[in-house]
Amino acid sequence: IVGQAATTGHVQNVRDAYADPRFDRKWDAKSGYRTRTLLAVPFFGSEGSVMGVIEMINKRSRAFFSHEDASILEAFGGQMAIAMENAMTDFPGSPYQERLQFWIIDSHSAHPTAI
């Protein structure tokens, strides 16, 4: 689902994770956690390409994620993109820059890896 948000650049708002064929239940099975709802919101760099995706699960009120929730994450994502781009350009040669570049590249795969 996150991969689709990254690939298409569109918000993915899932009201019932277990009813969505894209949802992989193995993480729930390993952790004992039960994912009910999911919101995946892509964020974009200054050149307009997807830099990453913010994912939220299980809204506390047990309601579904709203358009307002997505809008808030889009605004937050915009700030994240600015911070990430600034880190990439303002600190050349920094070990953090290399890790950030890896994360940005890996975020475009179907299964991003957190570092």
Protein backbone atom coordinates (compact mmCIF):
# COMPACT_ATOMS: atom_id res chain seq x y z
CA ILE A 1 0.00 0.00 0.00
CA VAL A 2 2.87 2.31 0.84
CA GLY A 3 4.59 1.18 -2.34
CA GLN A 4 1.52 2.11 -4.34
CA ALA A 5 1.43 5.57 -2.71
CA ALA A 6 5.10 6.01 -3.65
CA THR A 7 4.63 4.73 -7.19
CA THR A 8 1.46 6.64 -8.03
CA GLY A 9 1.95 9.74 -5.89
CA HIS A 10 -1.60 9.34 -4.59
CA VAL A 11 -2.91 9.04 -1.04
CA GLN A 12 -4.00 5.53 -0.07
CA ASN A 13 -6.73 5.51 2.58
CA VAL A 14 -7.61 1.97 3.64
CA ARG A 15 -10.68 1.57 5.83
CA ASP A 16 -10.26 -2.17 6.46
CA ALA A 17 -6.70 -3.42 6.07
CA TYR A 18 -7.64 -7.10 6.19
CA ALA A 19 -10.17 -6.64 3.39
CA ASP A 20 -7.56 -5.01 1.12
CA PRO A 21 -5.64 -7.58 -0.97
CA ARG A 22 -2.56 -5.30 -0.99
CA PHE A 23 -2.19 -5.56 2.79
CA ASP A 24 0.49 -7.98 4.02
CA ARG A 25 -0.66 -9.58 7.29
CA LYS A 26 2.71 -11.11 8.17
CA TRP A 27 3.81 -8.12 10.28
CA ASP A 28 0.62 -8.29 12.31
CA ALA A 29 1.13 -12.03 12.77
CA LYS A 30 4.74 -11.54 13.96
CA SER A 31 3.94 -8.69 16.34
CA GLY A 32 0.50 -9.67 17.56
CA TYR A 33 -0.72 -6.23 16.53
CA ARG A 34 -3.97 -5.83 14.58
CA THR A 35 -3.95 -3.23 11.82
CA ARG A 36 -7.45 -1.96 11.13
CA THR A 37 -7.10 1.28 9.17
CA LEU A 38 -4.17 2.69 7.24
CA LEU A 39 -3.32 6.03 5.67
CA ALA A 40 -0.32 6.32 3.32
CA VAL A 41 0.51 9.84 2.14
CA PRO A 42 3.36 10.53 -0.33
CA PHE A 43 5.47 13.64 0.00
CA PHE A 44 7.27 15.39 -2.82
CA GLY A 45 10.61 17.13 -3.36
CA SER A 46 11.03 20.51 -4.98
CA GLU A 47 11.33 18.87 -8.40
CA GLY A 48 7.93 17.21 -7.98
CA SER A 49 9.09 13.61 -7.52
CA VAL A 50 8.01 11.45 -4.62
CA MET A 51 10.64 11.52 -1.85
CA GLY A 52 8.87 9.18 0.53
CA VAL A 53 5.60 8.16 2.15
CA ILE A 54 4.23 8.81 5.63
CA GLU A 55 2.15 5.94 6.96
CA MET A 56 -0.33 6.09 9.83
CA ILE A 57 -2.22 3.10 11.17
CA ASN A 58 -5.25 2.65 13.42
CA LYS A 59 -6.76 6.04 14.07
CA ARG A 60 -7.27 6.30 17.83
CA SER A 61 -10.96 7.05 17.66
CA ARG A 62 -11.36 3.75 15.77
CA ALA A 63 -12.92 5.81 13.00
CA PHE A 64 -11.53 6.01 9.51
CA PHE A 65 -8.85 8.46 8.48
CA SER A 66 -10.40 11.60 6.98
CA HIS A 67 -9.44 13.92 4.14
CA GLU A 68 -8.39 16.37 6.86
CA ASP A 69 -5.99 13.77 8.28
CA ALA A 70 -4.47 13.33 4.81
CA SER A 71 -4.16 17.10 4.36
CA ILE A 72 -2.32 17.43 7.68
CA LEU A 73 0.12 14.68 6.67
CA GLU A 74 0.61 16.30 3.25
CA ALA A 75 1.59 19.56 5.00
CA PHE A 76 3.91 17.68 7.37
CA GLY A 77 5.41 15.81 4.41
CA GLY A 78 6.14 19.09 2.67
CA GLN A 79 8.16 20.19 5.69
CA MET A 80 9.95 16.83 5.77
CA ALA A 81 10.89 17.18 2.10
CA ILE A 82 12.35 20.64 2.70
CA ALA A 83 14.37 19.39 5.68
CA MET A 84 15.62 16.36 3.74
CA GLU A 85 16.61 18.41 0.70
CA ASN A 86 18.37 20.95 2.93
CA ALA A 87 20.28 18.16 4.66
CA MET A 88 21.32 16.79 1.29
CA THR A 89 22.64 20.14 0.02
CA ASP A 90 23.83 21.90 3.19
CA PHE A 91 26.01 19.12 4.59
CA PRO A 92 27.93 17.60 1.67
CA GLY A 93 30.13 14.68 2.67
CA SER A 94 28.29 14.14 5.94
CA PRO A 95 27.70 10.50 6.92
CA TYR A 96 24.08 11.47 7.47
CA GLN A 97 23.81 12.61 3.87
CA GLU A 98 24.83 9.15 2.65
CA ARG A 99 22.26 7.46 4.90
CA LEU A 100 19.57 9.91 3.83
CA GLN A 101 20.36 9.35 0.16
CA PHE A 102 20.09 5.58 0.71
CA TRP A 103 16.73 6.04 2.43
CA ILE A 104 15.39 8.21 -0.39
CA ILE A 105 16.46 5.70 -3.04
CA ASP A 106 15.14 2.74 -1.05
CA SER A 107 11.81 4.49 -0.46
CA HIS A 108 11.07 4.05 -4.14
CA SER A 109 11.14 0.27 -3.84
CA ALA A 110 8.04 -1.76 -3.14
CA HIS A 111 9.33 -2.60 0.36
CA PRO A 112 11.29 0.35 1.83
CA THR A 113 13.82 -0.41 4.52
CA ALA A 114 13.96 1.75 7.62
CA ILE A 115 17.44 2.72 8.74
